[in-house]
Amino acid sequence: MLPQIQLIPGAISEILASVSETGILTLADRYGLMAAALDESLDEEERGCVNRLLRSVLKGRIRVVADLSAAA
């Protein structure tokens, strides 16, 4: 049986704020985005935020790192 993945309420806006501030997408952020992608109850605004983040990664505007946190 696969483990249940649940998105923490408010996680999308927190990820968006963090990435906007640092320009870095961390491992923890990617796990949050994975949970969001699997969450069928996302509203249009949250889904749009996830899509914007992913487009920014594809265009090279956001750097993807293996660190768990962007804090130095």
PDB file of N, CA and C in Angstrom:
ATOM      1  N   MET A   1       0.838  -1.177   0.000  1.00  0.00           N
ATOM      2  CA  MET A   1       0.000   0.000   0.000  1.00  0.00           C
ATOM      3  C   MET A   1       0.887   1.247   0.000  1.00  0.00           C
ATOM      4  N   LEU A   2       0.557   2.207  -0.849  1.00  0.00           N
ATOM      5  CA  LEU A   2       1.326   3.445  -0.947  1.00  0.00           C
ATOM      6  C   LEU A   2       0.949   4.405   0.172  1.00  0.00           C
ATOM      7  N   PRO A   3       1.930   5.149   0.685  1.00  0.00           N
ATOM      8  CA  PRO A   3       1.609   6.123   1.735  1.00  0.00           C
ATOM      9  C   PRO A   3       0.745   7.254   1.191  1.00  0.00           C
ATOM     10  N   GLN A   4      -0.108   7.777   2.038  1.00  0.00           N
ATOM     11  CA  GLN A   4      -0.985   8.894   1.673  1.00  0.00           C
ATOM     12  C   GLN A   4      -0.170  10.183   1.670  1.00  0.00           C
ATOM     13  N   ILE A   5      -0.252  10.951   0.589  1.00  0.00           N
ATOM     14  CA  ILE A   5       0.437  12.237   0.494  1.00  0.00           C
ATOM     15  C   ILE A   5      -0.615  13.323   0.596  1.00  0.00           C
ATOM     16  N   GLN A   6      -0.443  14.209   1.586  1.00  0.00           N
ATOM     17  CA  GLN A   6      -1.402  15.295   1.765  1.00  0.00           C
ATOM     18  C   GLN A   6      -0.683  16.625   1.749  1.00  0.00           C
ATOM     19  N   LEU A   7      -1.281  17.583   1.081  1.00  0.00           N
ATOM     20  CA  LEU A   7      -0.754  18.933   1.007  1.00  0.00           C
ATOM     21  C   LEU A   7      -1.132  19.691   2.273  1.00  0.00           C
ATOM     22  N   ILE A   8      -0.156  20.348   2.881  1.00  0.00           N
ATOM     23  CA  ILE A   8      -0.411  21.160   4.067  1.00  0.00           C
ATOM     24  C   ILE A   8      -1.162  22.420   3.625  1.00  0.00           C
ATOM     25  N   PRO A   9      -2.238  22.781   4.311  1.00  0.00           N
ATOM     26  CA  PRO A   9      -2.984  23.992   3.927  1.00  0.00           C
ATOM     27  C   PRO A   9      -2.074  25.226   3.913  1.00  0.00           C
ATOM     28  N   GLY A  10      -2.169  26.010   2.859  1.00  0.00           N
ATOM     29  CA  GLY A  10      -1.353  27.210   2.724  1.00  0.00           C
ATOM     30  C   GLY A  10       0.043  26.964   2.188  1.00  0.00           C
ATOM     31  N   ALA A  11       0.362  25.705   1.876  1.00  0.00           N
ATOM     32  CA  ALA A  11       1.721  25.364   1.440  1.00  0.00           C
ATOM     33  C   ALA A  11       2.078  26.007   0.106  1.00  0.00           C
ATOM     34  N   ILE A  12       1.141  26.074  -0.810  1.00  0.00           N
ATOM     35  CA  ILE A  12       1.432  26.627  -2.136  1.00  0.00           C
ATOM     36  C   ILE A  12       1.838  28.092  -2.026  1.00  0.00           C
ATOM     37  N   SER A  13       1.093  28.870  -1.247  1.00  0.00           N
ATOM     38  CA  SER A  13       1.438  30.288  -1.106  1.00  0.00           C
ATOM     39  C   SER A  13       2.768  30.462  -0.387  1.00  0.00           C
ATOM     40  N   GLU A  14       3.079  29.589   0.571  1.00  0.00           N
ATOM     41  CA  GLU A  14       4.370  29.649   1.267  1.00  0.00           C
ATOM     42  C   GLU A  14       5.520  29.322   0.319  1.00  0.00           C
ATOM     43  N   ILE A  15       5.341  28.304  -0.506  1.00  0.00           N
ATOM     44  CA  ILE A  15       6.373  27.934  -1.482  1.00  0.00           C
ATOM     45  C   ILE A  15       6.575  29.075  -2.465  1.00  0.00           C
ATOM     46  N   LEU A  16       5.490  29.637  -2.961  1.00  0.00           N
ATOM     47  CA  LEU A  16       5.574  30.742  -3.917  1.00  0.00           C
ATOM     48  C   LEU A  16       6.300  31.941  -3.307  1.00  0.00           C
ATOM     49  N   ALA A  17       5.981  32.282  -2.065  1.00  0.00           N
ATOM     50  CA  ALA A  17       6.635  33.414  -1.397  1.00  0.00           C
ATOM     51  C   ALA A  17       8.122  33.150  -1.197  1.00  0.00           C
ATOM     52  N   SER A  18       8.455  31.945  -0.761  1.00  0.00           N
ATOM     53  CA  SER A  18       9.855  31.595  -0.520  1.00  0.00           C
ATOM     54  C   SER A  18      10.670  31.622  -1.805  1.00  0.00           C
ATOM     55  N   VAL A  19      10.131  31.027  -2.850  1.00  0.00           N
ATOM     56  CA  VAL A  19      10.840  30.968  -4.130  1.00  0.00           C
ATOM     57  C   VAL A  19      10.958  32.359  -4.741  1.00  0.00           C
ATOM     58  N   SER A  20       9.937  33.179  -4.581  1.00  0.00           N
ATOM     59  CA  SER A  20       9.997  34.549  -5.095  1.00  0.00           C
ATOM     60  C   SER A  20      11.096  35.346  -4.400  1.00  0.00           C
ATOM     61  N   GLU A  21      11.274  35.094  -3.111  1.00  0.00           N
ATOM     62  CA  GLU A  21      12.278  35.817  -2.325  1.00  0.00           C
ATOM     63  C   GLU A  21      13.699  35.330  -2.611  1.00  0.00           C
ATOM     64  N   THR A  22      13.872  34.005  -2.734  1.00  0.00           N
ATOM     65  CA  THR A  22      15.221  33.437  -2.848  1.00  0.00           C
ATOM     66  C   THR A  22      15.636  33.086  -4.272  1.00  0.00           C
ATOM     67  N   GLY A  23      14.661  32.807  -5.142  1.00  0.00           N
ATOM     68  CA  GLY A  23      14.988  32.347  -6.492  1.00  0.00           C
ATOM     69  C   GLY A  23      15.443  30.902  -6.516  1.00  0.00           C
ATOM     70  N   ILE A  24      15.188  30.187  -5.405  1.00  0.00           N
ATOM     71  CA  ILE A  24      15.653  28.806  -5.254  1.00  0.00           C
ATOM     72  C   ILE A  24      14.474  27.899  -4.907  1.00  0.00           C
ATOM     73  N   LEU A  25      14.408  26.752  -5.571  1.00  0.00           N
ATOM     74  CA  LEU A  25      13.409  25.734  -5.268  1.00  0.00           C
ATOM     75  C   LEU A  25      14.125  24.588  -4.560  1.00  0.00           C
ATOM     76  N   THR A  26      13.799  24.384  -3.290  1.00  0.00           N
ATOM     77  CA  THR A  26      14.489  23.384  -2.471  1.00  0.00           C
ATOM     78  C   THR A  26      13.833  22.009  -2.599  1.00  0.00           C
ATOM     79  N   LEU A  27      14.465  21.037  -1.991  1.00  0.00           N
ATOM     80  CA  LEU A  27      13.919  19.681  -1.959  1.00  0.00           C
ATOM     81  C   LEU A  27      12.562  19.675  -1.253  1.00  0.00           C
ATOM     82  N   ALA A  28      12.459  20.393  -0.143  1.00  0.00           N
ATOM     83  CA  ALA A  28      11.184  20.463   0.586  1.00  0.00           C
ATOM     84  C   ALA A  28      10.099  21.102  -0.282  1.00  0.00           C
ATOM     85  N   ASP A  29      10.475  22.146  -1.032  1.00  0.00           N
ATOM     86  CA  ASP A  29       9.516  22.786  -1.945  1.00  0.00           C
ATOM     87  C   ASP A  29       9.041  21.796  -2.999  1.00  0.00           C
ATOM     88  N   ARG A  30       9.958  21.005  -3.518  1.00  0.00           N
ATOM     89  CA  ARG A  30       9.591  20.036  -4.561  1.00  0.00           C
ATOM     90  C   ARG A  30       8.652  18.968  -4.021  1.00  0.00           C
ATOM     91  N   TYR A  31       8.861  18.545  -2.772  1.00  0.00           N
ATOM     92  CA  TYR A  31       7.920  17.597  -2.170  1.00  0.00           C
ATOM     93  C   TYR A  31       6.535  18.237  -2.031  1.00  0.00           C
ATOM     94  N   GLY A  32       6.505  19.518  -1.673  1.00  0.00           N
ATOM     95  CA  GLY A  32       5.230  20.231  -1.591  1.00  0.00           C
ATOM     96  C   GLY A  32       4.547  20.313  -2.938  1.00  0.00           C
ATOM     97  N   LEU A  33       5.324  20.584  -3.990  1.00  0.00           N
ATOM     98  CA  LEU A  33       4.752  20.643  -5.342  1.00  0.00           C
ATOM     99  C   LEU A  33       4.263  19.275  -5.799  1.00  0.00           C
ATOM    100  N   MET A  34       4.980  18.218  -5.396  1.00  0.00           N
ATOM    101  CA  MET A  34       4.535  16.867  -5.739  1.00  0.00           C
ATOM    102  C   MET A  34       3.184  16.580  -5.075  1.00  0.00           C
ATOM    103  N   ALA A  35       3.063  16.939  -3.809  1.00  0.00           N
ATOM    104  CA  ALA A  35       1.794  16.738  -3.107  1.00  0.00           C
ATOM    105  C   ALA A  35       0.688  17.556  -3.769  1.00  0.00           C
ATOM    106  N   ALA A  36       1.018  18.776  -4.201  1.00  0.00           N
ATOM    107  CA  ALA A  36       0.030  19.626  -4.872  1.00  0.00           C
ATOM    108  C   ALA A  36      -0.408  19.014  -6.195  1.00  0.00           C
ATOM    109  N   ALA A  37       0.538  18.453  -6.930  1.00  0.00           N
ATOM    110  CA  ALA A  37       0.214  17.848  -8.222  1.00  0.00           C
ATOM    111  C   ALA A  37      -0.724  16.655  -8.051  1.00  0.00           C
ATOM    112  N   LEU A  38      -0.605  15.974  -6.920  1.00  0.00           N
ATOM    113  CA  LEU A  38      -1.444  14.805  -6.667  1.00  0.00           C
ATOM    114  C   LEU A  38      -2.763  15.163  -5.978  1.00  0.00           C
ATOM    115  N   ASP A  39      -2.912  16.406  -5.564  1.00  0.00           N
ATOM    116  CA  ASP A  39      -4.110  16.855  -4.851  1.00  0.00           C
ATOM    117  C   ASP A  39      -5.171  17.304  -5.852  1.00  0.00           C
ATOM    118  N   GLU A  40      -6.249  16.561  -5.929  1.00  0.00           N
ATOM    119  CA  GLU A  40      -7.309  16.868  -6.891  1.00  0.00           C
ATOM    120  C   GLU A  40      -8.239  17.974  -6.403  1.00  0.00           C
ATOM    121  N   SER A  41      -8.052  18.438  -5.172  1.00  0.00           N
ATOM    122  CA  SER A  41      -8.957  19.455  -4.632  1.00  0.00           C
ATOM    123  C   SER A  41      -8.386  20.872  -4.722  1.00  0.00           C
ATOM    124  N   LEU A  42      -7.273  21.069  -5.434  1.00  0.00           N
ATOM    125  CA  LEU A  42      -6.703  22.409  -5.589  1.00  0.00           C
ATOM    126  C   LEU A  42      -7.661  23.301  -6.364  1.00  0.00           C
ATOM    127  N   ASP A  43      -7.785  24.550  -5.915  1.00  0.00           N
ATOM    128  CA  ASP A  43      -8.614  25.475  -6.682  1.00  0.00           C
ATOM    129  C   ASP A  43      -7.793  26.042  -7.843  1.00  0.00           C
ATOM    130  N   GLU A  44      -8.453  26.795  -8.705  1.00  0.00           N
ATOM    131  CA  GLU A  44      -7.799  27.320  -9.916  1.00  0.00           C
ATOM    132  C   GLU A  44      -6.616  28.228  -9.593  1.00  0.00           C
ATOM    133  N   GLU A  45      -6.743  29.041  -8.548  1.00  0.00           N
ATOM    134  CA  GLU A  45      -5.661  29.958  -8.175  1.00  0.00           C
ATOM    135  C   GLU A  45      -4.410  29.186  -7.748  1.00  0.00           C
ATOM    136  N   GLU A  46      -4.597  28.156  -6.913  1.00  0.00           N
ATOM    137  CA  GLU A  46      -3.461  27.349  -6.459  1.00  0.00           C
ATOM    138  C   GLU A  46      -2.832  26.590  -7.627  1.00  0.00           C
ATOM    139  N   ARG A  47      -3.669  26.045  -8.492  1.00  0.00           N
ATOM    140  CA  ARG A  47      -3.151  25.321  -9.655  1.00  0.00           C
ATOM    141  C   ARG A  47      -2.358  26.268 -10.562  1.00  0.00           C
ATOM    142  N   GLY A  48      -2.846  27.500 -10.713  1.00  0.00           N
ATOM    143  CA  GLY A  48      -2.128  28.505 -11.496  1.00  0.00           C
ATOM    144  C   GLY A  48      -0.774  28.842 -10.891  1.00  0.00           C
ATOM    145  N   CYS A  49      -0.710  28.918  -9.560  1.00  0.00           N
ATOM    146  CA  CYS A  49       0.564  29.187  -8.872  1.00  0.00           C
ATOM    147  C   CYS A  49       1.565  28.063  -9.127  1.00  0.00           C
ATOM    148  N   VAL A  50       1.100  26.833  -9.032  1.00  0.00           N
ATOM    149  CA  VAL A  50       1.978  25.686  -9.292  1.00  0.00           C
ATOM    150  C   VAL A  50       2.478  25.741 -10.728  1.00  0.00           C
ATOM    151  N   ASN A  51       1.593  26.020 -11.670  1.00  0.00           N
ATOM    152  CA  ASN A  51       1.988  26.102 -13.080  1.00  0.00           C
ATOM    153  C   ASN A  51       3.001  27.211 -13.316  1.00  0.00           C
ATOM    154  N   ARG A  52       2.805  28.366 -12.664  1.00  0.00           N
ATOM    155  CA  ARG A  52       3.758  29.483 -12.798  1.00  0.00           C
ATOM    156  C   ARG A  52       5.138  29.102 -12.284  1.00  0.00           C
ATOM    157  N   LEU A  53       5.167  28.427 -11.139  1.00  0.00           N
ATOM    158  CA  LEU A  53       6.450  27.988 -10.581  1.00  0.00           C
ATOM    159  C   LEU A  53       7.159  27.027 -11.531  1.00  0.00           C
ATOM    160  N   LEU A  54       6.419  26.074 -12.057  1.00  0.00           N
ATOM    161  CA  LEU A  54       7.025  25.088 -12.953  1.00  0.00           C
ATOM    162  C   LEU A  54       7.512  25.725 -14.251  1.00  0.00           C
ATOM    163  N   ARG A  55       6.760  26.669 -14.799  1.00  0.00           N
ATOM    164  CA  ARG A  55       7.214  27.385 -16.001  1.00  0.00           C
ATOM    165  C   ARG A  55       8.485  28.172 -15.721  1.00  0.00           C
ATOM    166  N   SER A  56       8.566  28.787 -14.545  1.00  0.00           N
ATOM    167  CA  SER A  56       9.765  29.550 -14.181  1.00  0.00           C
ATOM    168  C   SER A  56      10.983  28.651 -14.057  1.00  0.00           C
ATOM    169  N   VAL A  57      10.783  27.441 -13.548  1.00  0.00           N
ATOM    170  CA  VAL A  57      11.890  26.477 -13.471  1.00  0.00           C
ATOM    171  C   VAL A  57      12.339  26.107 -14.881  1.00  0.00           C
ATOM    172  N   LEU A  58      11.381  25.818 -15.759  1.00  0.00           N
ATOM    173  CA  LEU A  58      11.720  25.438 -17.132  1.00  0.00           C
ATOM    174  C   LEU A  58      12.458  26.542 -17.875  1.00  0.00           C
ATOM    175  N   LYS A  59      12.115  27.793 -17.584  1.00  0.00           N
ATOM    176  CA  LYS A  59      12.759  28.923 -18.262  1.00  0.00           C
ATOM    177  C   LYS A  59      14.076  29.327 -17.603  1.00  0.00           C
ATOM    178  N   GLY A  60      14.440  28.671 -16.508  1.00  0.00           N
ATOM    179  CA  GLY A  60      15.707  28.960 -15.850  1.00  0.00           C
ATOM    180  C   GLY A  60      15.675  30.146 -14.906  1.00  0.00           C
ATOM    181  N   ARG A  61      14.514  30.651 -14.589  1.00  0.00           N
ATOM    182  CA  ARG A  61      14.398  31.791 -13.671  1.00  0.00           C
ATOM    183  C   ARG A  61      14.544  31.370 -12.216  1.00  0.00           C
ATOM    184  N   ILE A  62      14.277  30.100 -11.948  1.00  0.00           N
ATOM    185  CA  ILE A  62      14.371  29.554 -10.598  1.00  0.00           C
ATOM    186  C   ILE A  62      15.398  28.429 -10.621  1.00  0.00           C
ATOM    187  N   ARG A  63      16.298  28.468  -9.646  1.00  0.00           N
ATOM    188  CA  ARG A  63      17.342  27.450  -9.547  1.00  0.00           C
ATOM    189  C   ARG A  63      16.851  26.324  -8.638  1.00  0.00           C
ATOM    190  N   VAL A  64      17.013  25.086  -9.083  1.00  0.00           N
ATOM    191  CA  VAL A  64      16.612  23.912  -8.319  1.00  0.00           C
ATOM    192  C   VAL A  64      17.846  23.379  -7.599  1.00  0.00           C
ATOM    193  N   VAL A  65      17.737  23.214  -6.274  1.00  0.00           N
ATOM    194  CA  VAL A  65      18.862  22.727  -5.473  1.00  0.00           C
ATOM    195  C   VAL A  65      18.456  21.474  -4.713  1.00  0.00           C
ATOM    196  N   ALA A  66      19.450  20.695  -4.294  1.00  0.00           N
ATOM    197  CA  ALA A  66      19.198  19.459  -3.556  1.00  0.00           C
ATOM    198  C   ALA A  66      19.082  19.705  -2.053  1.00  0.00           C
ATOM    199  N   ASP A  67      19.309  20.942  -1.608  1.00  0.00           N
ATOM    200  CA  ASP A  67      19.232  21.263  -0.182  1.00  0.00           C
ATOM    201  C   ASP A  67      17.792  21.180   0.302  1.00  0.00           C
ATOM    202  N   LEU A  68      17.639  20.815   1.568  1.00  0.00           N
ATOM    203  CA  LEU A  68      16.308  20.722   2.155  1.00  0.00           C
ATOM    204  C   LEU A  68      15.712  22.102   2.404  1.00  0.00           C
ATOM    205  N   SER A  69      16.580  23.085   2.660  1.00  0.00           N
ATOM    206  CA  SER A  69      16.140  24.444   2.974  1.00  0.00           C
ATOM    207  C   SER A  69      17.027  25.455   2.266  1.00  0.00           C
ATOM    208  N   ALA A  70      16.469  26.616   1.940  1.00  0.00           N
ATOM    209  CA  ALA A  70      17.243  27.675   1.284  1.00  0.00           C
ATOM    210  C   ALA A  70      18.022  28.500   2.296  1.00  0.00           C
ATOM    211  N   ALA A  71      17.744  28.320   3.591  1.00  0.00           N
ATOM    212  CA  ALA A  71      18.443  29.086   4.633  1.00  0.00           C
ATOM    213  C   ALA A  71      19.911  28.688   4.682  1.00  0.00           C
ATOM    214  N   ALA A  72      20.759  29.689   4.768  1.00  0.00           N
ATOM    215  CA  ALA A  72      22.200  29.413   4.801  1.00  0.00           C
ATOM    216  C   ALA A  72      22.713  29.355   6.208  1.00  0.00           C
TER     217      ALA A  72
END
